[in-house]
Every structure is written in C-alpha cells, then in structure tokens.
Amino acid sequence: APRPDWLFVPALMVDDSWEPCRHGRLASWLRDE
C-alpha cells in the first residue's frame, strides 16, 4: 500500500468472540503508519 497522509479506521462488527490478536498484520501496519 502507498503510505497515506490520512487514514480512516471505520467501525466494524464485533461480538463476544472478538480476540485482540485477530488482526495482527493490520495492527502492525497501523503502528508503523
């Protein structure tokens, strides 16, 4: 992905099965951005 100047993180559907490790690659990319 090209490096954005501005990034929107929209609402997403979550339920009781949510686990913090579900989106590891995205989380790592977000930290870098």
Full PDB file with SEQRES, HELIX, SHEET, SSBOND, CRYST1, ORIGX, SCALE, CONECT and MASTER records, all heavy atoms in Angstrom:
SEQRES   1 A   33  ALA PRO ARG PRO ASP TRP LEU PHE VAL PRO ALA LEU MET          
SEQRES   2 A   33  VAL ASP ASP SER TRP GLU PRO CYS ARG HIS GLY ARG LEU          
SEQRES   3 A   33  ALA SER TRP LEU ARG ASP GLU                                  
HELIX    1 AA1 GLY A   24  ASP A   32  1                                   9    
CRYST1    1.000    1.000    1.000  90.00  90.00  90.00 P 1           1          
ORIGX1      1.000000  0.000000  0.000000        0.00000                         
ORIGX2      0.000000  1.000000  0.000000        0.00000                         
ORIGX3      0.000000  0.000000  1.000000        0.00000                         
SCALE1      1.000000  0.000000  0.000000        0.00000                         
SCALE2      0.000000  1.000000  0.000000        0.00000                         
SCALE3      0.000000  0.000000  1.000000        0.00000                         
ATOM      1  N   ALA A   1       0.823  -1.208   0.000  1.00  0.00           N  
ATOM      2  CA  ALA A   1       0.000   0.000   0.000  1.00  0.00           C  
ATOM      3  C   ALA A   1       0.856   1.257   0.000  1.00  0.00           C  
ATOM      4  O   ALA A   1       1.867   1.332   0.720  1.00  0.00           O  
ATOM      5  CB  ALA A   1      -0.917   0.015   1.216  1.00  0.00           C  
ATOM      6  N   PRO A   2       0.475   2.266  -0.799  1.00  0.00           N  
ATOM      7  CA  PRO A   2       1.161   3.560  -0.713  1.00  0.00           C  
ATOM      8  C   PRO A   2       0.990   4.137   0.689  1.00  0.00           C  
ATOM      9  O   PRO A   2      -0.039   3.914   1.333  1.00  0.00           O  
ATOM     10  CB  PRO A   2       0.429   4.419  -1.752  1.00  0.00           C  
ATOM     11  CG  PRO A   2      -0.270   3.447  -2.641  1.00  0.00           C  
ATOM     12  CD  PRO A   2      -0.614   2.272  -1.791  1.00  0.00           C  
ATOM     13  N   ARG A   3       1.964   4.845   1.169  1.00  0.00           N  
ATOM     14  CA  ARG A   3       1.859   5.424   2.511  1.00  0.00           C  
ATOM     15  C   ARG A   3       0.895   6.599   2.499  1.00  0.00           C  
ATOM     16  O   ARG A   3       1.116   7.586   1.805  1.00  0.00           O  
ATOM     17  CB  ARG A   3       3.232   5.877   3.002  1.00  0.00           C  
ATOM     18  CG  ARG A   3       3.196   6.631   4.332  1.00  0.00           C  
ATOM     19  CD  ARG A   3       4.478   6.431   5.091  1.00  0.00           C  
ATOM     20  NE  ARG A   3       4.540   5.090   5.653  1.00  0.00           N  
ATOM     21  CZ  ARG A   3       5.645   4.565   6.192  1.00  0.00           C  
ATOM     22  NH1 ARG A   3       6.755   5.275   6.229  1.00  0.00           N  
ATOM     23  NH2 ARG A   3       5.633   3.353   6.689  1.00  0.00           N  
ATOM     24  N   PRO A   4      -0.206   6.521   3.252  1.00  0.00           N  
ATOM     25  CA  PRO A   4      -1.175   7.625   3.249  1.00  0.00           C  
ATOM     26  C   PRO A   4      -0.755   8.759   4.174  1.00  0.00           C  
ATOM     27  O   PRO A   4       0.001   8.561   5.126  1.00  0.00           O  
ATOM     28  CB  PRO A   4      -2.450   6.954   3.763  1.00  0.00           C  
ATOM     29  CG  PRO A   4      -1.953   5.882   4.686  1.00  0.00           C  
ATOM     30  CD  PRO A   4      -0.649   5.396   4.091  1.00  0.00           C  
ATOM     31  N   ASP A   5      -1.282   9.938   3.885  1.00  0.00           N  
ATOM     32  CA  ASP A   5      -1.127  11.063   4.807  1.00  0.00           C  
ATOM     33  C   ASP A   5      -2.196  11.019   5.887  1.00  0.00           C  
ATOM     34  O   ASP A   5      -1.999  11.524   6.986  1.00  0.00           O  
ATOM     35  CB  ASP A   5      -1.249  12.386   4.042  1.00  0.00           C  
ATOM     36  CG  ASP A   5      -0.222  12.510   2.942  1.00  0.00           C  
ATOM     37  OD1 ASP A   5       0.980  12.461   3.255  1.00  0.00           O  
ATOM     38  OD2 ASP A   5      -0.620  12.619   1.763  1.00  0.00           O  
ATOM     39  N   TRP A   6      -3.315  10.399   5.533  1.00  0.00           N  
ATOM     40  CA  TRP A   6      -4.502  10.364   6.407  1.00  0.00           C  
ATOM     41  C   TRP A   6      -5.141   9.002   6.267  1.00  0.00           C  
ATOM     42  O   TRP A   6      -5.300   8.487   5.154  1.00  0.00           O  
ATOM     43  CB  TRP A   6      -5.460  11.483   5.984  1.00  0.00           C  
ATOM     44  CG  TRP A   6      -6.702  11.628   6.804  1.00  0.00           C  
ATOM     45  CD1 TRP A   6      -6.885  12.447   7.881  1.00  0.00           C  
ATOM     46  CD2 TRP A   6      -7.962  10.973   6.583  1.00  0.00           C  
ATOM     47  NE1 TRP A   6      -8.175  12.338   8.350  1.00  0.00           N  
ATOM     48  CE2 TRP A   6      -8.862  11.436   7.570  1.00  0.00           C  
ATOM     49  CE3 TRP A   6      -8.414  10.035   5.659  1.00  0.00           C  
ATOM     50  CZ2 TRP A   6     -10.173  10.996   7.658  1.00  0.00           C  
ATOM     51  CZ3 TRP A   6      -9.735   9.589   5.738  1.00  0.00           C  
ATOM     52  CH2 TRP A   6     -10.595  10.077   6.730  1.00  0.00           C  
ATOM     53  N   LEU A   7      -5.514   8.390   7.388  1.00  0.00           N  
ATOM     54  CA  LEU A   7      -6.058   7.034   7.372  1.00  0.00           C  
ATOM     55  C   LEU A   7      -7.300   6.963   8.241  1.00  0.00           C  
ATOM     56  O   LEU A   7      -7.283   7.373   9.404  1.00  0.00           O  
ATOM     57  CB  LEU A   7      -5.010   6.048   7.883  1.00  0.00           C  
ATOM     58  CG  LEU A   7      -5.438   4.596   8.037  1.00  0.00           C  
ATOM     59  CD1 LEU A   7      -5.746   3.969   6.676  1.00  0.00           C  
ATOM     60  CD2 LEU A   7      -4.344   3.798   8.751  1.00  0.00           C  
ATOM     61  N   PHE A   8      -8.377   6.422   7.679  1.00  0.00           N  
ATOM     62  CA  PHE A   8      -9.636   6.282   8.410  1.00  0.00           C  
ATOM     63  C   PHE A   8      -9.828   4.835   8.831  1.00  0.00           C  
ATOM     64  O   PHE A   8      -9.740   3.921   8.011  1.00  0.00           O  
ATOM     65  CB  PHE A   8     -10.806   6.723   7.532  1.00  0.00           C  
ATOM     66  CG  PHE A   8     -12.149   6.610   8.204  1.00  0.00           C  
ATOM     67  CD1 PHE A   8     -12.464   7.420   9.287  1.00  0.00           C  
ATOM     68  CD2 PHE A   8     -13.099   5.699   7.758  1.00  0.00           C  
ATOM     69  CE1 PHE A   8     -13.703   7.330   9.915  1.00  0.00           C  
ATOM     70  CE2 PHE A   8     -14.340   5.609   8.372  1.00  0.00           C  
ATOM     71  CZ  PHE A   8     -14.645   6.421   9.450  1.00  0.00           C  
ATOM     72  N   VAL A   9     -10.083   4.625  10.121  1.00  0.00           N  
ATOM     73  CA  VAL A   9     -10.365   3.293  10.655  1.00  0.00           C  
ATOM     74  C   VAL A   9     -11.846   3.249  11.004  1.00  0.00           C  
ATOM     75  O   VAL A   9     -12.272   3.782  12.035  1.00  0.00           O  
ATOM     76  CB  VAL A   9      -9.506   2.999  11.903  1.00  0.00           C  
ATOM     77  CG1 VAL A   9      -9.782   1.593  12.422  1.00  0.00           C  
ATOM     78  CG2 VAL A   9      -8.021   3.161  11.578  1.00  0.00           C  
ATOM     79  N   PRO A  10     -12.674   2.647  10.150  1.00  0.00           N  
ATOM     80  CA  PRO A  10     -14.120   2.677  10.357  1.00  0.00           C  
ATOM     81  C   PRO A  10     -14.576   1.709  11.439  1.00  0.00           C  
ATOM     82  O   PRO A  10     -13.813   0.830  11.872  1.00  0.00           O  
ATOM     83  CB  PRO A  10     -14.665   2.244   8.990  1.00  0.00           C  
ATOM     84  CG  PRO A  10     -13.615   1.333   8.449  1.00  0.00           C  
ATOM     85  CD  PRO A  10     -12.305   1.924   8.923  1.00  0.00           C  
ATOM     86  N   ALA A  11     -15.807   1.890  11.861  1.00  0.00           N  
ATOM     87  CA  ALA A  11     -16.408   0.938  12.790  1.00  0.00           C  
ATOM     88  C   ALA A  11     -16.468  -0.432  12.127  1.00  0.00           C  
ATOM     89  O   ALA A  11     -16.574  -0.551  10.910  1.00  0.00           O  
ATOM     90  CB  ALA A  11     -17.810   1.410  13.168  1.00  0.00           C  
ATOM     91  N   LEU A  12     -16.393  -1.468  12.943  1.00  0.00           N  
ATOM     92  CA  LEU A  12     -16.500  -2.820  12.425  1.00  0.00           C  
ATOM     93  C   LEU A  12     -17.387  -3.638  13.353  1.00  0.00           C  
ATOM     94  O   LEU A  12     -17.627  -3.265  14.502  1.00  0.00           O  
ATOM     95  CB  LEU A  12     -15.122  -3.464  12.293  1.00  0.00           C  
ATOM     96  CG  LEU A  12     -14.326  -3.749  13.569  1.00  0.00           C  
ATOM     97  CD1 LEU A  12     -13.318  -4.865  13.297  1.00  0.00           C  
ATOM     98  CD2 LEU A  12     -13.584  -2.507  14.034  1.00  0.00           C  
ATOM     99  N   MET A  13     -17.896  -4.731  12.812  1.00  0.00           N  
ATOM    100  CA  MET A  13     -18.781  -5.589  13.589  1.00  0.00           C  
ATOM    101  C   MET A  13     -17.963  -6.412  14.571  1.00  0.00           C  
ATOM    102  O   MET A  13     -17.023  -7.108  14.177  1.00  0.00           O  
ATOM    103  CB  MET A  13     -19.582  -6.491  12.652  1.00  0.00           C  
ATOM    104  CG  MET A  13     -20.550  -5.733  11.762  1.00  0.00           C  
ATOM    105  SD  MET A  13     -21.428  -6.799  10.592  1.00  0.00           S  
ATOM    106  CE  MET A  13     -20.114  -7.143   9.416  1.00  0.00           C  
ATOM    107  N   VAL A  14     -18.315  -6.323  15.842  1.00  0.00           N  
ATOM    108  CA  VAL A  14     -17.629  -7.090  16.878  1.00  0.00           C  
ATOM    109  C   VAL A  14     -18.671  -7.814  17.724  1.00  0.00           C  
ATOM    110  O   VAL A  14     -19.809  -7.374  17.833  1.00  0.00           O  
ATOM    111  CB  VAL A  14     -16.753  -6.181  17.772  1.00  0.00           C  
ATOM    112  CG1 VAL A  14     -15.643  -5.530  16.971  1.00  0.00           C  
ATOM    113  CG2 VAL A  14     -17.605  -5.115  18.458  1.00  0.00           C  
ATOM    114  N   ASP A  15     -18.273  -8.938  18.324  1.00  0.00           N  
ATOM    115  CA  ASP A  15     -19.149  -9.681  19.225  1.00  0.00           C  
ATOM    116  C   ASP A  15     -18.298 -10.325  20.304  1.00  0.00           C  
ATOM    117  O   ASP A  15     -17.098 -10.052  20.418  1.00  0.00           O  
ATOM    118  CB  ASP A  15     -19.984 -10.726  18.467  1.00  0.00           C  
ATOM    119  CG  ASP A  15     -19.128 -11.691  17.652  1.00  0.00           C  
ATOM    120  OD1 ASP A  15     -17.966 -11.940  18.060  1.00  0.00           O  
ATOM    121  OD2 ASP A  15     -19.605 -12.187  16.622  1.00  0.00           O  
ATOM    122  N   ASP A  16     -18.903 -11.196  21.102  1.00  0.00           N  
ATOM    123  CA  ASP A  16     -18.192 -11.791  22.232  1.00  0.00           C  
ATOM    124  C   ASP A  16     -17.025 -12.677  21.813  1.00  0.00           C  
ATOM    125  O   ASP A  16     -16.197 -13.043  22.650  1.00  0.00           O  
ATOM    126  CB  ASP A  16     -19.161 -12.596  23.102  1.00  0.00           C  
ATOM    127  CG  ASP A  16     -20.121 -11.698  23.869  1.00  0.00           C  
ATOM    128  OD1 ASP A  16     -19.774 -10.522  24.078  1.00  0.00           O  
ATOM    129  OD2 ASP A  16     -21.207 -12.174  24.250  1.00  0.00           O  
ATOM    130  N   SER A  17     -16.962 -13.043  20.530  1.00  0.00           N  
ATOM    131  CA  SER A  17     -15.865 -13.893  20.066  1.00  0.00           C  
ATOM    132  C   SER A  17     -14.614 -13.085  19.701  1.00  0.00           C  
ATOM    133  O   SER A  17     -13.605 -13.660  19.302  1.00  0.00           O  
ATOM    134  CB  SER A  17     -16.309 -14.714  18.848  1.00  0.00           C  
ATOM    135  OG  SER A  17     -16.542 -13.873  17.721  1.00  0.00           O  
ATOM    136  N   TRP A  18     -14.700 -11.757  19.840  1.00  0.00           N  
ATOM    137  CA  TRP A  18     -13.552 -10.922  19.467  1.00  0.00           C  
ATOM    138  C   TRP A  18     -12.316 -11.305  20.273  1.00  0.00           C  
ATOM    139  O   TRP A  18     -12.392 -11.529  21.488  1.00  0.00           O  
ATOM    140  CB  TRP A  18     -13.870  -9.447  19.717  1.00  0.00           C  
ATOM    141  CG  TRP A  18     -12.686  -8.556  19.485  1.00  0.00           C  
ATOM    142  CD1 TRP A  18     -11.738  -8.196  20.409  1.00  0.00           C  
ATOM    143  CD2 TRP A  18     -12.296  -7.955  18.255  1.00  0.00           C  
ATOM    144  NE1 TRP A  18     -10.790  -7.396  19.833  1.00  0.00           N  
ATOM    145  CE2 TRP A  18     -11.103  -7.235  18.507  1.00  0.00           C  
ATOM    146  CE3 TRP A  18     -12.843  -7.951  16.975  1.00  0.00           C  
ATOM    147  CZ2 TRP A  18     -10.451  -6.521  17.517  1.00  0.00           C  
ATOM    148  CZ3 TRP A  18     -12.185  -7.232  15.986  1.00  0.00           C  
ATOM    149  CH2 TRP A  18     -11.019  -6.522  16.264  1.00  0.00           C  
ATOM    150  N   GLU A  19     -11.168 -11.362  19.589  1.00  0.00           N  
ATOM    151  CA  GLU A  19      -9.884 -11.603  20.243  1.00  0.00           C  
ATOM    152  C   GLU A  19      -8.891 -10.544  19.774  1.00  0.00           C  
ATOM    153  O   GLU A  19      -8.820 -10.250  18.575  1.00  0.00           O  
ATOM    154  CB  GLU A  19      -9.350 -12.994  19.887  1.00  0.00           C  
ATOM    155  CG  GLU A  19     -10.242 -14.132  20.361  1.00  0.00           C  
ATOM    156  CD  GLU A  19      -9.716 -15.478  19.911  1.00  0.00           C  
ATOM    157  OE1 GLU A  19      -8.768 -15.496  19.099  1.00  0.00           O  
ATOM    158  OE2 GLU A  19     -10.248 -16.493  20.377  1.00  0.00           O  
ATOM    159  N   PRO A  20      -8.134  -9.957  20.686  1.00  0.00           N  
ATOM    160  CA  PRO A  20      -7.210  -8.881  20.314  1.00  0.00           C  
ATOM    161  C   PRO A  20      -6.174  -9.248  19.263  1.00  0.00           C  
ATOM    162  O   PRO A  20      -5.612  -8.367  18.622  1.00  0.00           O  
ATOM    163  CB  PRO A  20      -6.544  -8.537  21.654  1.00  0.00           C  
ATOM    164  CG  PRO A  20      -7.547  -8.923  22.681  1.00  0.00           C  
ATOM    165  CD  PRO A  20      -8.206 -10.157  22.131  1.00  0.00           C  
ATOM    166  N   CYS A  21      -5.900 -10.542  19.064  1.00  0.00           N  
ATOM    167  CA  CYS A  21      -4.880 -10.939  18.097  1.00  0.00           C  
ATOM    168  C   CYS A  21      -5.465 -11.209  16.709  1.00  0.00           C  
ATOM    169  O   CYS A  21      -4.776 -11.716  15.828  1.00  0.00           O  
ATOM    170  CB  CYS A  21      -4.151 -12.190  18.587  1.00  0.00           C  
ATOM    171  SG  CYS A  21      -5.219 -13.623  18.838  1.00  0.00           S  
ATOM    172  N   ARG A  22      -6.713 -10.852  16.493  1.00  0.00           N  
ATOM    173  CA  ARG A  22      -7.407 -11.217  15.253  1.00  0.00           C  
ATOM    174  C   ARG A  22      -6.814 -10.534  14.030  1.00  0.00           C  
ATOM    175  O   ARG A  22      -6.806 -11.087  12.931  1.00  0.00           O  
ATOM    176  CB  ARG A  22      -8.899 -10.880  15.384  1.00  0.00           C  
ATOM    177  CG  ARG A  22      -9.722 -11.224  14.155  1.00  0.00           C  
ATOM    178  CD  ARG A  22     -11.200 -11.078  14.428  1.00  0.00           C  
ATOM    179  NE  ARG A  22     -11.650 -12.032  15.430  1.00  0.00           N  
ATOM    180  CZ  ARG A  22     -12.929 -12.142  15.824  1.00  0.00           C  
ATOM    181  NH1 ARG A  22     -13.842 -11.339  15.308  1.00  0.00           N  
ATOM    182  NH2 ARG A  22     -13.281 -13.031  16.726  1.00  0.00           N  
ATOM    183  N   HIS A  23      -6.348  -9.329  14.174  1.00  0.00           N  
ATOM    184  CA  HIS A  23      -5.866  -8.556  13.026  1.00  0.00           C  
ATOM    185  C   HIS A  23      -4.410  -8.141  13.228  1.00  0.00           C  
ATOM    186  O   HIS A  23      -4.072  -6.956  13.203  1.00  0.00           O  
ATOM    187  CB  HIS A  23      -6.748  -7.324  12.808  1.00  0.00           C  
ATOM    188  CG  HIS A  23      -8.161  -7.652  12.465  1.00  0.00           C  
ATOM    189  ND1 HIS A  23      -8.538  -8.121  11.226  1.00  0.00           N  
ATOM    190  CD2 HIS A  23      -9.299  -7.578  13.208  1.00  0.00           C  
ATOM    191  CE1 HIS A  23      -9.854  -8.315  11.199  1.00  0.00           C  
ATOM    192  NE2 HIS A  23     -10.332  -7.998  12.389  1.00  0.00           N  
ATOM    193  N   GLY A  24      -3.556  -9.130  13.422  1.00  0.00           N  
ATOM    194  CA  GLY A  24      -2.158  -8.857  13.736  1.00  0.00           C  
ATOM    195  C   GLY A  24      -1.417  -8.062  12.674  1.00  0.00           C  
ATOM    196  O   GLY A  24      -0.690  -7.114  12.987  1.00  0.00           O  
ATOM    197  N   ARG A  25      -1.594  -8.414  11.388  1.00  0.00           N  
ATOM    198  CA  ARG A  25      -0.878  -7.697  10.319  1.00  0.00           C  
ATOM    199  C   ARG A  25      -1.361  -6.260  10.210  1.00  0.00           C  
ATOM    200  O   ARG A  25      -0.563  -5.339  10.034  1.00  0.00           O  
ATOM    201  CB  ARG A  25      -1.080  -8.407   8.978  1.00  0.00           C  
ATOM    202  CG  ARG A  25      -0.303  -9.693   8.812  1.00  0.00           C  
ATOM    203  CD  ARG A  25      -0.457 -10.231   7.421  1.00  0.00           C  
ATOM    204  NE  ARG A  25       0.187  -9.367   6.437  1.00  0.00           N  
ATOM    205  CZ  ARG A  25      -0.245  -9.197   5.189  1.00  0.00           C  
ATOM    206  NH1 ARG A  25      -1.339  -9.792   4.764  1.00  0.00           N  
ATOM    207  NH2 ARG A  25       0.416  -8.405   4.356  1.00  0.00           N  
ATOM    208  N   LEU A  26      -2.666  -6.072  10.328  1.00  0.00           N  
ATOM    209  CA  LEU A  26      -3.196  -4.707  10.273  1.00  0.00           C  
ATOM    210  C   LEU A  26      -2.696  -3.888  11.451  1.00  0.00           C  
ATOM    211  O   LEU A  26      -2.346  -2.715  11.299  1.00  0.00           O  
ATOM    212  CB  LEU A  26      -4.726  -4.726  10.276  1.00  0.00           C  
ATOM    213  CG  LEU A  26      -5.447  -4.929   8.953  1.00  0.00           C  
ATOM    214  CD1 LEU A  26      -6.953  -4.876   9.169  1.00  0.00           C  
ATOM    215  CD2 LEU A  26      -5.016  -3.890   7.935  1.00  0.00           C  
ATOM    216  N   ALA A  27      -2.691  -4.499  12.642  1.00  0.00           N  
ATOM    217  CA  ALA A  27      -2.242  -3.787  13.833  1.00  0.00           C  
ATOM    218  C   ALA A  27      -0.786  -3.359  13.685  1.00  0.00           C  
ATOM    219  O   ALA A  27      -0.415  -2.226  14.030  1.00  0.00           O  
ATOM    220  CB  ALA A  27      -2.422  -4.664  15.067  1.00  0.00           C  
ATOM    221  N   SER A  28       0.042  -4.247  13.167  1.00  0.00           N  
ATOM    222  CA  SER A  28       1.450  -3.908  12.955  1.00  0.00           C  
ATOM    223  C   SER A  28       1.598  -2.771  11.957  1.00  0.00           C  
ATOM    224  O   SER A  28       2.400  -1.841  12.166  1.00  0.00           O  
ATOM    225  CB  SER A  28       2.205  -5.150  12.461  1.00  0.00           C  
ATOM    226  OG  SER A  28       3.558  -4.853  12.198  1.00  0.00           O  
ATOM    227  N   TRP A  29       0.819  -2.822  10.885  1.00  0.00           N  
ATOM    228  CA  TRP A  29       0.877  -1.763   9.869  1.00  0.00           C  
ATOM    229  C   TRP A  29       0.407  -0.436  10.448  1.00  0.00           C  
ATOM    230  O   TRP A  29       1.001   0.616  10.180  1.00  0.00           O  
ATOM    231  CB  TRP A  29       0.035  -2.174   8.670  1.00  0.00           C  
ATOM    232  CG  TRP A  29       0.106  -1.223   7.509  1.00  0.00           C  
ATOM    233  CD1 TRP A  29       1.122  -1.098   6.601  1.00  0.00           C  
ATOM    234  CD2 TRP A  29      -0.888  -0.256   7.132  1.00  0.00           C  
ATOM    235  NE1 TRP A  29       0.821  -0.122   5.675  1.00  0.00           N  
ATOM    236  CE2 TRP A  29      -0.406   0.408   5.976  1.00  0.00           C  
ATOM    237  CE3 TRP A  29      -2.132   0.094   7.635  1.00  0.00           C  
ATOM    238  CZ2 TRP A  29      -1.124   1.415   5.338  1.00  0.00           C  
ATOM    239  CZ3 TRP A  29      -2.849   1.093   7.000  1.00  0.00           C  
ATOM    240  CH2 TRP A  29      -2.344   1.748   5.863  1.00  0.00           C  
ATOM    241  N   LEU A  30      -0.656  -0.481  11.261  1.00  0.00           N  
ATOM    242  CA  LEU A  30      -1.153   0.743  11.893  1.00  0.00           C  
ATOM    243  C   LEU A  30      -0.086   1.384  12.780  1.00  0.00           C  
ATOM    244  O   LEU A  30       0.085   2.599  12.781  1.00  0.00           O  
ATOM    245  CB  LEU A  30      -2.408   0.426  12.718  1.00  0.00           C  
ATOM    246  CG  LEU A  30      -3.738   0.382  11.994  1.00  0.00           C  
ATOM    247  CD1 LEU A  30      -4.827  -0.157  12.921  1.00  0.00           C  
ATOM    248  CD2 LEU A  30      -4.123   1.758  11.489  1.00  0.00           C  
ATOM    249  N   ARG A  31       0.608   0.553  13.540  1.00  0.00           N  
ATOM    250  CA  ARG A  31       1.670   1.085  14.402  1.00  0.00           C  
ATOM    251  C   ARG A  31       2.747   1.778  13.580  1.00  0.00           C  
ATOM    252  O   ARG A  31       3.212   2.868  13.923  1.00  0.00           O  
ATOM    253  CB  ARG A  31       2.295  -0.048  15.230  1.00  0.00           C  
ATOM    254  CG  ARG A  31       1.506  -0.451  16.445  1.00  0.00           C  
ATOM    255  CD  ARG A  31       2.321  -1.334  17.371  1.00  0.00           C  
ATOM    256  NE  ARG A  31       2.722  -2.590  16.736  1.00  0.00           N  
ATOM    257  CZ  ARG A  31       1.975  -3.690  16.721  1.00  0.00           C  
ATOM    258  NH1 ARG A  31       0.794  -3.679  17.321  1.00  0.00           N  
ATOM    259  NH2 ARG A  31       2.414  -4.784  16.141  1.00  0.00           N  
ATOM    260  N   ASP A  32       3.124   1.134  12.483  1.00  0.00           N  
ATOM    261  CA  ASP A  32       4.155   1.725  11.629  1.00  0.00           C  
ATOM    262  C   ASP A  32       3.690   3.043  11.024  1.00  0.00           C  
ATOM    263  O   ASP A  32       4.461   4.016  10.936  1.00  0.00           O  
ATOM    264  CB  ASP A  32       4.534   0.752  10.516  1.00  0.00           C  
ATOM    265  CG  ASP A  32       5.302  -0.453  11.023  1.00  0.00           C  
ATOM    266  OD1 ASP A  32       5.805  -0.399  12.163  1.00  0.00           O  
ATOM    267  OD2 ASP A  32       5.375  -1.456  10.283  1.00  0.00           O  
ATOM    268  N   GLU A  33       2.416   3.082  10.595  1.00  0.00           N  
ATOM    269  CA  GLU A  33       1.890   4.310   9.992  1.00  0.00           C  
ATOM    270  C   GLU A  33       1.827   5.437  11.016  1.00  0.00           C  
ATOM    271  O   GLU A  33       2.166   6.587  10.710  1.00  0.00           O  
ATOM    272  CB  GLU A  33       0.502   4.049   9.395  1.00  0.00           C  
ATOM    273  CG  GLU A  33       0.503   3.142   8.176  1.00  0.00           C  
ATOM    274  CD  GLU A  33       1.435   3.646   7.101  1.00  0.00           C  
ATOM    275  OE1 GLU A  33       1.319   4.826   6.712  1.00  0.00           O  
ATOM    276  OE2 GLU A  33       2.300   2.863   6.652  1.00  0.00           O  
TER     277      GLU A  33                                                      
MASTER        0    0    0    1    0    0    0    6  276    1    0    3          
END                                                                             
